[in-house]
Amino acid sequence: MKPALSRYALSQVPQSWQAFAQGEVLAHQLENQFNLWWPRIFGYHLLKVGTLSCQLDTSACGIRHQINLAGSGDQVSVIADPDDLPFIEHAVDAVLLAHCLEYTQDPHHVIREAHRVLMPDGYLLMSGFNPYSLMGLLKLWPGLHRRLPWSGRFFSQARVKDWLQLLGFEVLYEQRLFCTSMLAQSQANSAFRLWAEQHLNYFAAAYVLVARKRTLPLTPIKPKWQLTNSFKPAVKGVSVRQQGGV
């Protein structure tokens, strides 16, 4: 598996959805996607990791205790790094990672930490930028790699799914959305955009993944302490005399 550890410092990290062009529109579309799953998720604790995750509206979720975790921010209740969660194993029922992998030094370890703190059969909801979109290709344009959202590292949907399956997650849902280059501040409601959302969905700017942590039960195998006697006497209770005995 190709490592994802960053060899360079990230130039910019978004502190709000307003840091992106059309960021508020993207956040609204992500909320609509996650709202399809919140009614299916039950438990006691929801962990929202990253500043962008903390700012999403998750009021449709049935879990009342929601923890906002990030390195800084006004809506943060726990200040910590996404790749070093200050929780014990099997502590939360669901984890939300909204565009968190793109702006962390070790994104694979972020998923490992989410797997560690999740309860068995817990849910992981996440979103990311599609590198195979028009917005992703603009990262090659000189100068854009220092601007948001292009200052982060984009990981393909297939690669993130490989990470999830390697850790034992079962991917339940995947969807691409938001067909735009994210250069303009406003998104025009043009006929071409509507056509692109229907027919060019693979090249959309963002994607959503919903996975569930699966823990396979171990069935103990009882050791065979006693060997089966190959000689079975015809009459029970009759001992076999040794050869040469009376």
C-alpha atoms as a PDB file:
ATOM      1  CA  MET A   1       0.000   0.000   0.000  1.00  0.00           C
ATOM      2  CA  LYS A   2       1.347   3.422  -0.943  1.00  0.00           C
ATOM      3  CA  PRO A   3       2.026   5.506   2.200  1.00  0.00           C
ATOM      4  CA  ALA A   4       0.207   8.798   2.641  1.00  0.00           C
ATOM      5  CA  LEU A   5       2.540  10.409   5.160  1.00  0.00           C
ATOM      6  CA  SER A   6       3.228  13.977   4.132  1.00  0.00           C
ATOM      7  CA  ARG A   7       6.837  15.009   3.481  1.00  0.00           C
ATOM      8  CA  TYR A   8       6.032  18.703   3.484  1.00  0.00           C
ATOM      9  CA  ALA A   9       4.211  21.111   5.720  1.00  0.00           C
ATOM     10  CA  LEU A  10       0.684  21.984   4.687  1.00  0.00           C
ATOM     11  CA  SER A  11       0.639  25.615   3.596  1.00  0.00           C
ATOM     12  CA  GLN A  12      -2.992  26.342   4.575  1.00  0.00           C
ATOM     13  CA  VAL A  13      -5.591  24.601   6.710  1.00  0.00           C
ATOM     14  CA  PRO A  14      -9.230  25.749   6.400  1.00  0.00           C
ATOM     15  CA  GLN A  15     -10.791  27.186   9.556  1.00  0.00           C
ATOM     16  CA  SER A  16     -14.315  27.472   8.137  1.00  0.00           C
ATOM     17  CA  TRP A  17     -16.362  26.577   5.078  1.00  0.00           C
ATOM     18  CA  GLN A  18     -16.170  30.224   4.014  1.00  0.00           C
ATOM     19  CA  ALA A  19     -12.456  29.659   3.283  1.00  0.00           C
ATOM     20  CA  PHE A  20     -13.519  27.776   0.127  1.00  0.00           C
ATOM     21  CA  ALA A  21     -15.132  29.331  -2.896  1.00  0.00           C
ATOM     22  CA  GLN A  22     -18.720  28.025  -2.752  1.00  0.00           C
ATOM     23  CA  GLY A  23     -17.841  26.395   0.561  1.00  0.00           C
ATOM     24  CA  GLU A  24     -21.238  27.070   2.130  1.00  0.00           C
ATOM     25  CA  VAL A  25     -22.987  25.427  -0.832  1.00  0.00           C
ATOM     26  CA  LEU A  26     -20.715  22.386  -0.497  1.00  0.00           C
ATOM     27  CA  ALA A  27     -21.417  22.181   3.246  1.00  0.00           C
ATOM     28  CA  HIS A  28     -25.169  22.265   2.567  1.00  0.00           C
ATOM     29  CA  GLN A  29     -24.902  19.415   0.051  1.00  0.00           C
ATOM     30  CA  LEU A  30     -22.836  17.367   2.488  1.00  0.00           C
ATOM     31  CA  GLU A  31     -25.417  17.917   5.218  1.00  0.00           C
ATOM     32  CA  ASN A  32     -28.120  16.627   2.866  1.00  0.00           C
ATOM     33  CA  GLN A  33     -26.082  13.487   2.192  1.00  0.00           C
ATOM     34  CA  PHE A  34     -25.332  12.822   5.860  1.00  0.00           C
ATOM     35  CA  ASN A  35     -28.957  13.477   6.809  1.00  0.00           C
ATOM     36  CA  LEU A  36     -29.858  10.333   4.887  1.00  0.00           C
ATOM     37  CA  TRP A  37     -27.897   8.329   7.485  1.00  0.00           C
ATOM     38  CA  TRP A  38     -28.336  10.134  10.793  1.00  0.00           C
ATOM     39  CA  PRO A  39     -31.788   8.575  11.463  1.00  0.00           C
ATOM     40  CA  ARG A  40     -30.224   5.104  11.126  1.00  0.00           C
ATOM     41  CA  ILE A  41     -27.465   5.721  13.667  1.00  0.00           C
ATOM     42  CA  PHE A  42     -28.098   5.268  17.373  1.00  0.00           C
ATOM     43  CA  GLY A  43     -25.927   5.423  20.458  1.00  0.00           C
ATOM     44  CA  TYR A  44     -24.607   7.762  23.093  1.00  0.00           C
ATOM     45  CA  HIS A  45     -21.639   9.655  21.613  1.00  0.00           C
ATOM     46  CA  LEU A  46     -20.983  11.295  18.212  1.00  0.00           C
ATOM     47  CA  LEU A  47     -17.444  12.540  17.563  1.00  0.00           C
ATOM     48  CA  LYS A  48     -16.972  15.303  14.960  1.00  0.00           C
ATOM     49  CA  VAL A  49     -13.287  15.546  14.045  1.00  0.00           C
ATOM     50  CA  GLY A  50     -11.853  18.656  12.413  1.00  0.00           C
ATOM     51  CA  THR A  51     -12.986  22.262  12.196  1.00  0.00           C
ATOM     52  CA  LEU A  52     -15.125  21.663   9.108  1.00  0.00           C
ATOM     53  CA  SER A  53     -16.865  18.694  10.713  1.00  0.00           C
ATOM     54  CA  CYS A  54     -17.654  20.756  13.809  1.00  0.00           C
ATOM     55  CA  GLN A  55     -19.415  23.380  11.692  1.00  0.00           C
ATOM     56  CA  LEU A  56     -21.773  20.966   9.935  1.00  0.00           C
ATOM     57  CA  ASP A  57     -25.363  20.795  11.158  1.00  0.00           C
ATOM     58  CA  THR A  58     -25.921  17.332  12.672  1.00  0.00           C
ATOM     59  CA  SER A  59     -29.175  18.093  14.482  1.00  0.00           C
ATOM     60  CA  ALA A  60     -30.877  15.306  12.502  1.00  0.00           C
ATOM     61  CA  CYS A  61     -28.715  12.755  14.324  1.00  0.00           C
ATOM     62  CA  GLY A  62     -30.430  10.906  17.159  1.00  0.00           C
ATOM     63  CA  ILE A  63     -27.248  10.933  19.251  1.00  0.00           C
ATOM     64  CA  ARG A  64     -27.592  13.804  21.698  1.00  0.00           C
ATOM     65  CA  HIS A  65     -24.052  13.927  23.075  1.00  0.00           C
ATOM     66  CA  GLN A  66     -21.947  15.350  20.244  1.00  0.00           C
ATOM     67  CA  ILE A  67     -18.250  16.103  20.755  1.00  0.00           C
ATOM     68  CA  ASN A  68     -16.509  18.724  18.588  1.00  0.00           C
ATOM     69  CA  LEU A  69     -12.775  18.015  18.352  1.00  0.00           C
ATOM     70  CA  ALA A  70     -10.208  20.117  16.494  1.00  0.00           C
ATOM     71  CA  GLY A  71      -6.893  21.879  16.979  1.00  0.00           C
ATOM     72  CA  SER A  72      -8.597  25.248  17.449  1.00  0.00           C
ATOM     73  CA  GLY A  73     -11.900  26.992  16.867  1.00  0.00           C
ATOM     74  CA  ASP A  74     -14.844  28.642  18.601  1.00  0.00           C
ATOM     75  CA  GLN A  75     -17.181  25.645  18.376  1.00  0.00           C
ATOM     76  CA  VAL A  76     -14.600  23.155  19.625  1.00  0.00           C
ATOM     77  CA  SER A  77     -15.236  21.362  22.909  1.00  0.00           C
ATOM     78  CA  VAL A  78     -12.057  19.230  22.878  1.00  0.00           C
ATOM     79  CA  ILE A  79      -8.741  20.590  21.582  1.00  0.00           C
ATOM     80  CA  ALA A  80      -6.640  17.749  20.162  1.00  0.00           C
ATOM     81  CA  ASP A  81      -5.052  16.484  16.961  1.00  0.00           C
ATOM     82  CA  PRO A  82      -7.169  14.282  14.658  1.00  0.00           C
ATOM     83  CA  ASP A  83      -4.411  11.642  14.568  1.00  0.00           C
ATOM     84  CA  ASP A  84      -4.138  11.457  18.384  1.00  0.00           C
ATOM     85  CA  LEU A  85      -7.649  11.241  19.815  1.00  0.00           C
ATOM     86  CA  PRO A  86      -7.769  11.494  23.630  1.00  0.00           C
ATOM     87  CA  PHE A  87     -10.342   8.726  24.050  1.00  0.00           C
ATOM     88  CA  ILE A  88     -10.174   5.094  25.086  1.00  0.00           C
ATOM     89  CA  GLU A  89     -10.963   2.243  22.722  1.00  0.00           C
ATOM     90  CA  HIS A  90     -14.594   1.606  21.810  1.00  0.00           C
ATOM     91  CA  ALA A  91     -15.723   4.934  23.285  1.00  0.00           C
ATOM     92  CA  VAL A  92     -17.970   6.500  20.603  1.00  0.00           C
ATOM     93  CA  ASP A  93     -20.770   5.271  18.358  1.00  0.00           C
ATOM     94  CA  ALA A  94     -20.108   7.409  15.260  1.00  0.00           C
ATOM     95  CA  VAL A  95     -17.282   9.551  13.858  1.00  0.00           C
ATOM     96  CA  LEU A  96     -17.614  12.353  11.305  1.00  0.00           C
ATOM     97  CA  LEU A  97     -14.595  13.290   9.145  1.00  0.00           C
ATOM     98  CA  ALA A  98     -15.604  16.078   6.757  1.00  0.00           C
ATOM     99  CA  HIS A  99     -12.633  16.929   4.501  1.00  0.00           C
ATOM    100  CA  CYS A 100     -10.259  16.128   7.325  1.00  0.00           C
ATOM    101  CA  LEU A 101      -7.818  13.808   5.539  1.00  0.00           C
ATOM    102  CA  GLU A 102      -6.733  16.444   3.013  1.00  0.00           C
ATOM    103  CA  TYR A 103      -5.293  18.744   5.674  1.00  0.00           C
ATOM    104  CA  THR A 104      -3.523  16.364   8.065  1.00  0.00           C
ATOM    105  CA  GLN A 105       0.052  15.101   8.029  1.00  0.00           C
ATOM    106  CA  ASP A 106      -0.864  11.404   8.313  1.00  0.00           C
ATOM    107  CA  PRO A 107      -4.399  10.800   6.994  1.00  0.00           C
ATOM    108  CA  HIS A 108      -4.141   7.023   7.222  1.00  0.00           C
ATOM    109  CA  HIS A 109      -3.433   7.295  10.943  1.00  0.00           C
ATOM    110  CA  VAL A 110      -6.473   9.553  11.326  1.00  0.00           C
ATOM    111  CA  ILE A 111      -8.637   6.699  10.050  1.00  0.00           C
ATOM    112  CA  ARG A 112      -6.816   4.292  12.374  1.00  0.00           C
ATOM    113  CA  GLU A 113      -7.623   6.524  15.337  1.00  0.00           C
ATOM    114  CA  ALA A 114     -11.263   6.704  14.281  1.00  0.00           C
ATOM    115  CA  HIS A 115     -11.328   2.913  14.061  1.00  0.00           C
ATOM    116  CA  ARG A 116      -9.768   2.613  17.523  1.00  0.00           C
ATOM    117  CA  VAL A 117     -12.296   4.797  19.341  1.00  0.00           C
ATOM    118  CA  LEU A 118     -15.337   3.441  17.488  1.00  0.00           C
ATOM    119  CA  MET A 119     -17.581   0.856  19.086  1.00  0.00           C
ATOM    120  CA  PRO A 120     -17.990  -2.444  17.227  1.00  0.00           C
ATOM    121  CA  ASP A 121     -20.507  -1.833  14.419  1.00  0.00           C
ATOM    122  CA  GLY A 122     -19.973   1.919  14.827  1.00  0.00           C
ATOM    123  CA  TYR A 123     -20.317   4.273  11.861  1.00  0.00           C
ATOM    124  CA  LEU A 124     -17.698   6.390  10.101  1.00  0.00           C
ATOM    125  CA  LEU A 125     -19.031   9.183   7.879  1.00  0.00           C
ATOM    126  CA  MET A 126     -16.539  11.106   5.785  1.00  0.00           C
ATOM    127  CA  SER A 127     -16.122  13.318   2.753  1.00  0.00           C
ATOM    128  CA  GLY A 128     -13.199  14.261   0.515  1.00  0.00           C
ATOM    129  CA  PHE A 129     -12.191  16.078  -2.650  1.00  0.00           C
ATOM    130  CA  ASN A 130     -12.056  14.090  -5.873  1.00  0.00           C
ATOM    131  CA  PRO A 131      -8.611  14.395  -7.564  1.00  0.00           C
ATOM    132  CA  TYR A 132     -10.141  13.176 -10.853  1.00  0.00           C
ATOM    133  CA  SER A 133     -12.437  16.165 -11.198  1.00  0.00           C
ATOM    134  CA  LEU A 134     -12.068  19.530 -12.891  1.00  0.00           C
ATOM    135  CA  MET A 135     -11.433  21.030  -9.474  1.00  0.00           C
ATOM    136  CA  GLY A 136      -8.785  18.373  -8.802  1.00  0.00           C
ATOM    137  CA  LEU A 137      -7.027  18.945 -12.132  1.00  0.00           C
ATOM    138  CA  LEU A 138      -6.770  22.663 -11.372  1.00  0.00           C
ATOM    139  CA  LYS A 139      -4.286  21.715  -8.654  1.00  0.00           C
ATOM    140  CA  LEU A 140      -1.712  21.437 -11.462  1.00  0.00           C
ATOM    141  CA  TRP A 141      -2.224  25.092 -12.382  1.00  0.00           C
ATOM    142  CA  PRO A 142       0.740  27.238 -11.223  1.00  0.00           C
ATOM    143  CA  GLY A 143      -0.047  29.158  -8.065  1.00  0.00           C
ATOM    144  CA  LEU A 144      -3.286  27.387  -7.163  1.00  0.00           C
ATOM    145  CA  HIS A 145      -1.525  24.805  -4.988  1.00  0.00           C
ATOM    146  CA  ARG A 146      -1.042  27.531  -2.374  1.00  0.00           C
ATOM    147  CA  ARG A 147      -4.735  28.421  -2.237  1.00  0.00           C
ATOM    148  CA  LEU A 148      -7.615  26.637  -0.575  1.00  0.00           C
ATOM    149  CA  PRO A 149      -8.833  24.025  -1.232  1.00  0.00           C
ATOM    150  CA  TRP A 150      -5.884  23.088  -3.454  1.00  0.00           C
ATOM    151  CA  SER A 151      -3.332  23.504  -0.655  1.00  0.00           C
ATOM    152  CA  GLY A 152      -4.356  20.105   0.690  1.00  0.00           C
ATOM    153  CA  ARG A 153      -3.675  16.639  -0.687  1.00  0.00           C
ATOM    154  CA  PHE A 154      -6.528  14.951  -2.523  1.00  0.00           C
ATOM    155  CA  PHE A 155      -7.023  11.195  -2.183  1.00  0.00           C
ATOM    156  CA  SER A 156      -9.174   9.243  -4.600  1.00  0.00           C
ATOM    157  CA  GLN A 157     -12.321   7.543  -3.427  1.00  0.00           C
ATOM    158  CA  ALA A 158     -10.885   4.135  -4.339  1.00  0.00           C
ATOM    159  CA  ARG A 159      -7.751   4.727  -2.269  1.00  0.00           C
ATOM    160  CA  VAL A 160      -9.694   5.765   0.819  1.00  0.00           C
ATOM    161  CA  LYS A 161     -11.920   2.710   0.429  1.00  0.00           C
ATOM    162  CA  ASP A 162      -8.798   0.526   0.396  1.00  0.00           C
ATOM    163  CA  TRP A 163      -7.700   2.086   3.684  1.00  0.00           C
ATOM    164  CA  LEU A 164     -11.118   1.459   5.198  1.00  0.00           C
ATOM    165  CA  GLN A 165     -11.312  -2.147   4.084  1.00  0.00           C
ATOM    166  CA  LEU A 166      -7.777  -2.802   5.303  1.00  0.00           C
ATOM    167  CA  LEU A 167      -8.803  -1.714   8.800  1.00  0.00           C
ATOM    168  CA  GLY A 168     -11.946  -3.839   8.781  1.00  0.00           C
ATOM    169  CA  PHE A 169     -14.578  -1.294   7.732  1.00  0.00           C
ATOM    170  CA  GLU A 170     -17.482  -2.235   5.491  1.00  0.00           C
ATOM    171  CA  VAL A 171     -18.334   0.534   3.021  1.00  0.00           C
ATOM    172  CA  LEU A 172     -22.117   0.924   3.019  1.00  0.00           C
ATOM    173  CA  TYR A 173     -22.585   4.011   0.874  1.00  0.00           C
ATOM    174  CA  GLU A 174     -20.630   6.127  -1.595  1.00  0.00           C
ATOM    175  CA  GLN A 175     -21.734   9.134  -3.578  1.00  0.00           C
ATOM    176  CA  ARG A 176     -20.101  11.867  -5.688  1.00  0.00           C
ATOM    177  CA  LEU A 177     -21.516  15.380  -5.693  1.00  0.00           C
ATOM    178  CA  PHE A 178     -20.868  19.063  -6.396  1.00  0.00           C
ATOM    179  CA  CYS A 179     -19.942  19.350 -10.092  1.00  0.00           C
ATOM    180  CA  THR A 180     -17.998  22.620 -10.098  1.00  0.00           C
ATOM    181  CA  SER A 181     -14.436  23.888 -10.382  1.00  0.00           C
ATOM    182  CA  MET A 182     -14.741  25.898  -7.116  1.00  0.00           C
ATOM    183  CA  LEU A 183     -12.979  28.883  -8.701  1.00  0.00           C
ATOM    184  CA  ALA A 184     -15.924  31.275  -8.782  1.00  0.00           C
ATOM    185  CA  GLN A 185     -17.473  32.528  -5.567  1.00  0.00           C
ATOM    186  CA  SER A 186     -21.003  31.683  -6.715  1.00  0.00           C
ATOM    187  CA  GLN A 187     -22.395  28.619  -8.436  1.00  0.00           C
ATOM    188  CA  ALA A 188     -24.590  29.399 -11.411  1.00  0.00           C
ATOM    189  CA  ASN A 189     -27.762  27.357 -11.808  1.00  0.00           C
ATOM    190  CA  SER A 190     -27.082  26.649 -15.431  1.00  0.00           C
ATOM    191  CA  ALA A 191     -28.457  23.869 -17.576  1.00  0.00           C
ATOM    192  CA  PHE A 192     -24.920  22.595 -18.120  1.00  0.00           C
ATOM    193  CA  ARG A 193     -24.372  22.165 -14.372  1.00  0.00           C
ATOM    194  CA  LEU A 194     -27.576  20.177 -14.015  1.00  0.00           C
ATOM    195  CA  TRP A 195     -26.600  18.032 -16.992  1.00  0.00           C
ATOM    196  CA  ALA A 196     -23.122  17.470 -15.531  1.00  0.00           C
ATOM    197  CA  GLU A 197     -24.551  16.352 -12.181  1.00  0.00           C
ATOM    198  CA  GLN A 198     -26.571  13.685 -13.984  1.00  0.00           C
ATOM    199  CA  HIS A 199     -24.088  12.446 -16.589  1.00  0.00           C
ATOM    200  CA  LEU A 200     -20.628  13.449 -15.330  1.00  0.00           C
ATOM    201  CA  ASN A 201     -21.098  12.465 -11.721  1.00  0.00           C
ATOM    202  CA  TYR A 202     -17.810  10.514 -11.684  1.00  0.00           C
ATOM    203  CA  PHE A 203     -15.916  13.800 -12.172  1.00  0.00           C
ATOM    204  CA  ALA A 204     -17.704  15.645  -9.366  1.00  0.00           C
ATOM    205  CA  ALA A 205     -15.573  17.742  -7.030  1.00  0.00           C
ATOM    206  CA  ALA A 206     -16.383  15.886  -3.796  1.00  0.00           C
ATOM    207  CA  TYR A 207     -17.477  12.475  -2.575  1.00  0.00           C
ATOM    208  CA  VAL A 208     -19.122  10.990   0.510  1.00  0.00           C
ATOM    209  CA  LEU A 209     -18.372   7.633   2.126  1.00  0.00           C
ATOM    210  CA  VAL A 210     -20.268   5.876   4.909  1.00  0.00           C
ATOM    211  CA  ALA A 211     -18.611   2.834   6.474  1.00  0.00           C
ATOM    212  CA  ARG A 212     -19.262   0.584   9.452  1.00  0.00           C
ATOM    213  CA  LYS A 213     -16.702  -0.980  11.727  1.00  0.00           C
ATOM    214  CA  ARG A 214     -17.000  -4.742  11.576  1.00  0.00           C
ATOM    215  CA  THR A 215     -15.525  -6.998  14.251  1.00  0.00           C
ATOM    216  CA  LEU A 216     -15.452 -10.681  13.401  1.00  0.00           C
ATOM    217  CA  PRO A 217     -16.079 -12.882  16.453  1.00  0.00           C
ATOM    218  CA  LEU A 218     -13.435 -15.484  17.190  1.00  0.00           C
ATOM    219  CA  THR A 219     -14.734 -19.033  17.687  1.00  0.00           C
ATOM    220  CA  PRO A 220     -12.472 -20.935  20.092  1.00  0.00           C
ATOM    221  CA  ILE A 221     -11.371 -24.377  18.956  1.00  0.00           C
ATOM    222  CA  LYS A 222     -11.264 -26.868  21.791  1.00  0.00           C
ATOM    223  CA  PRO A 223      -7.996 -28.843  21.907  1.00  0.00           C
ATOM    224  CA  LYS A 224      -8.156 -32.587  21.606  1.00  0.00           C
ATOM    225  CA  TRP A 225      -6.526 -33.521  24.881  1.00  0.00           C
ATOM    226  CA  GLN A 226      -7.446 -37.224  24.645  1.00  0.00           C
ATOM    227  CA  LEU A 227      -6.643 -39.450  21.725  1.00  0.00           C
ATOM    228  CA  THR A 228      -9.325 -41.808  20.496  1.00  0.00           C
ATOM    229  CA  ASN A 229      -8.612 -45.435  21.276  1.00  0.00           C
ATOM    230  CA  SER A 230      -8.238 -47.361  18.047  1.00  0.00           C
ATOM    231  CA  PHE A 231      -9.288 -50.657  19.755  1.00  0.00           C
ATOM    232  CA  LYS A 232     -12.964 -50.837  20.663  1.00  0.00           C
ATOM    233  CA  PRO A 233     -13.955 -53.956  22.651  1.00  0.00           C
ATOM    234  CA  ALA A 234     -17.225 -55.567  21.689  1.00  0.00           C
ATOM    235  CA  VAL A 235     -18.453 -55.855  25.287  1.00  0.00           C
ATOM    236  CA  LYS A 236     -18.314 -52.844  27.551  1.00  0.00           C
ATOM    237  CA  GLY A 237     -16.706 -53.304  30.955  1.00  0.00           C
ATOM    238  CA  VAL A 238     -14.505 -56.209  29.831  1.00  0.00           C
ATOM    239  CA  SER A 239     -10.798 -55.415  30.177  1.00  0.00           C
ATOM    240  CA  VAL A 240      -8.303 -56.746  27.704  1.00  0.00           C
ATOM    241  CA  ARG A 241      -5.773 -59.089  29.256  1.00  0.00           C
ATOM    242  CA  GLN A 242      -2.164 -58.627  28.467  1.00  0.00           C
ATOM    243  CA  GLN A 243      -0.563 -61.213  26.278  1.00  0.00           C
ATOM    244  CA  GLY A 244       0.818 -64.109  28.390  1.00  0.00           C
ATOM    245  CA  GLY A 245      -1.469 -63.383  31.374  1.00  0.00           C
ATOM    246  CA  VAL A 246      -3.560 -65.995  33.191  1.00  0.00           C
END
